Amino acid sequence: MPFNYTLRVKAVPVPSSPLKEDANVLDKTIYKMRIYGLEIESLTPYEP
């Protein structure tokens, strides 16, 4: 599946407390990115 977007990420502080077990899928996905110190800042269509 083509992904024709420019993804801009920024550095963020790494979260200190883990998620609760009943966290939803979106929260878990965001947490997985943030444990690496990254957060999506913008998503724009790719223009070569």
N, C-alpha and C. Protein backbone atom coordinates (compact mmCIF):
# COMPACT_ATOMS: atom_id res chain seq x y z
N MET A 1 0.84 -1.17 0.00
CA MET A 1 0.00 0.00 0.00
C MET A 1 0.89 1.24 0.00
N PRO A 2 0.81 2.07 -1.03
CA PRO A 2 1.63 3.27 -1.09
C PRO A 2 1.26 4.25 0.03
N PHE A 3 2.25 4.91 0.53
CA PHE A 3 2.06 5.92 1.57
C PHE A 3 2.70 7.20 1.06
N ASN A 4 1.92 8.01 0.34
CA ASN A 4 2.45 9.21 -0.29
C ASN A 4 2.21 10.44 0.56
N TYR A 5 2.78 10.43 1.74
CA TYR A 5 2.66 11.55 2.66
C TYR A 5 4.02 11.87 3.26
N THR A 6 4.19 13.13 3.62
CA THR A 6 5.37 13.54 4.35
C THR A 6 4.99 13.53 5.83
N LEU A 7 5.78 12.83 6.59
CA LEU A 7 5.52 12.69 8.02
C LEU A 7 6.57 13.50 8.77
N ARG A 8 6.13 14.46 9.56
CA ARG A 8 7.05 15.28 10.34
C ARG A 8 6.92 14.87 11.81
N VAL A 9 8.04 14.52 12.42
CA VAL A 9 8.04 14.14 13.83
C VAL A 9 8.87 15.12 14.62
N LYS A 10 8.62 15.16 15.91
CA LYS A 10 9.41 16.01 16.79
C LYS A 10 9.82 15.22 18.02
N ALA A 11 10.89 15.66 18.64
CA ALA A 11 11.37 15.02 19.86
C ALA A 11 10.50 15.47 21.03
N VAL A 12 10.15 14.51 21.88
CA VAL A 12 9.35 14.80 23.07
C VAL A 12 9.95 14.05 24.26
N PRO A 13 9.64 14.49 25.47
CA PRO A 13 10.12 13.75 26.64
C PRO A 13 9.54 12.33 26.66
N VAL A 14 10.35 11.39 27.05
CA VAL A 14 9.90 10.00 27.15
C VAL A 14 8.97 9.87 28.36
N PRO A 15 7.78 9.28 28.18
CA PRO A 15 6.85 9.15 29.30
C PRO A 15 7.44 8.27 30.41
N SER A 16 7.19 8.66 31.64
CA SER A 16 7.77 7.92 32.76
C SER A 16 6.86 6.82 33.29
N SER A 17 5.56 6.98 33.12
CA SER A 17 4.66 5.95 33.65
C SER A 17 4.05 5.14 32.51
N PRO A 18 4.00 3.83 32.66
CA PRO A 18 3.40 2.99 31.61
C PRO A 18 1.88 3.14 31.56
N LEU A 19 1.30 2.67 30.49
CA LEU A 19 -0.16 2.71 30.33
C LEU A 19 -0.84 1.73 31.26
N LYS A 20 -2.09 2.01 31.53
CA LYS A 20 -2.91 1.06 32.29
C LYS A 20 -3.28 -0.09 31.36
N GLU A 21 -3.62 -1.22 31.91
CA GLU A 21 -3.94 -2.39 31.11
C GLU A 21 -5.20 -2.20 30.26
N ASP A 22 -6.11 -1.32 30.69
CA ASP A 22 -7.34 -1.12 29.93
C ASP A 22 -7.24 0.03 28.92
N ALA A 23 -6.02 0.45 28.58
CA ALA A 23 -5.84 1.53 27.61
C ALA A 23 -6.33 1.09 26.23
N ASN A 24 -6.90 2.05 25.48
CA ASN A 24 -7.42 1.69 24.15
C ASN A 24 -6.27 1.61 23.13
N VAL A 25 -6.60 1.15 21.93
CA VAL A 25 -5.59 0.91 20.89
C VAL A 25 -4.87 2.20 20.51
N LEU A 26 -5.59 3.30 20.41
CA LEU A 26 -4.97 4.57 20.04
C LEU A 26 -3.95 5.00 21.09
N ASP A 27 -4.32 4.92 22.36
CA ASP A 27 -3.39 5.28 23.43
C ASP A 27 -2.14 4.40 23.40
N LYS A 28 -2.32 3.10 23.15
CA LYS A 28 -1.18 2.18 23.10
C LYS A 28 -0.26 2.52 21.92
N THR A 29 -0.84 2.88 20.77
CA THR A 29 -0.04 3.23 19.60
C THR A 29 0.75 4.50 19.85
N ILE A 30 0.11 5.50 20.42
CA ILE A 30 0.80 6.77 20.73
C ILE A 30 1.92 6.52 21.73
N TYR A 31 1.65 5.71 22.74
CA TYR A 31 2.66 5.41 23.75
C TYR A 31 3.87 4.71 23.12
N LYS A 32 3.62 3.79 22.19
CA LYS A 32 4.73 3.09 21.53
C LYS A 32 5.65 4.05 20.79
N MET A 33 5.08 5.08 20.18
CA MET A 33 5.92 6.08 19.49
C MET A 33 6.67 6.93 20.50
N ARG A 34 5.99 7.30 21.57
CA ARG A 34 6.59 8.23 22.54
C ARG A 34 7.70 7.58 23.37
N ILE A 35 7.69 6.25 23.52
CA ILE A 35 8.77 5.64 24.29
C ILE A 35 10.11 5.78 23.57
N TYR A 36 10.05 6.10 22.25
CA TYR A 36 11.27 6.37 21.50
C TYR A 36 11.57 7.86 21.45
N GLY A 37 10.78 8.67 22.14
CA GLY A 37 11.00 10.10 22.17
C GLY A 37 10.50 10.82 20.93
N LEU A 38 9.52 10.24 20.22
CA LEU A 38 8.99 10.84 18.99
C LEU A 38 7.49 11.07 19.09
N GLU A 39 7.04 12.13 18.43
CA GLU A 39 5.62 12.41 18.33
C GLU A 39 5.35 12.95 16.93
N ILE A 40 4.28 12.50 16.29
CA ILE A 40 3.93 13.00 14.96
C ILE A 40 3.44 14.43 15.11
N GLU A 41 4.08 15.32 14.36
CA GLU A 41 3.72 16.73 14.41
C GLU A 41 2.79 17.09 13.26
N SER A 42 3.04 16.54 12.07
CA SER A 42 2.15 16.82 10.94
C SER A 42 2.25 15.70 9.91
N LEU A 43 1.22 15.62 9.10
CA LEU A 43 1.13 14.63 8.05
C LEU A 43 0.55 15.35 6.84
N THR A 44 1.34 15.49 5.77
CA THR A 44 0.90 16.23 4.60
C THR A 44 1.12 15.39 3.35
N PRO A 45 0.32 15.61 2.30
CA PRO A 45 0.53 14.87 1.06
C PRO A 45 1.95 15.11 0.52
N TYR A 46 2.55 14.06 0.01
CA TYR A 46 3.91 14.15 -0.53
C TYR A 46 3.93 14.90 -1.85
N GLU A 47 4.83 15.87 -1.95
CA GLU A 47 5.01 16.63 -3.18
C GLU A 47 6.48 16.60 -3.54
N PRO A 48 6.84 15.83 -4.60
CA PRO A 48 8.27 15.73 -4.97
C PRO A 48 8.83 17.05 -5.49
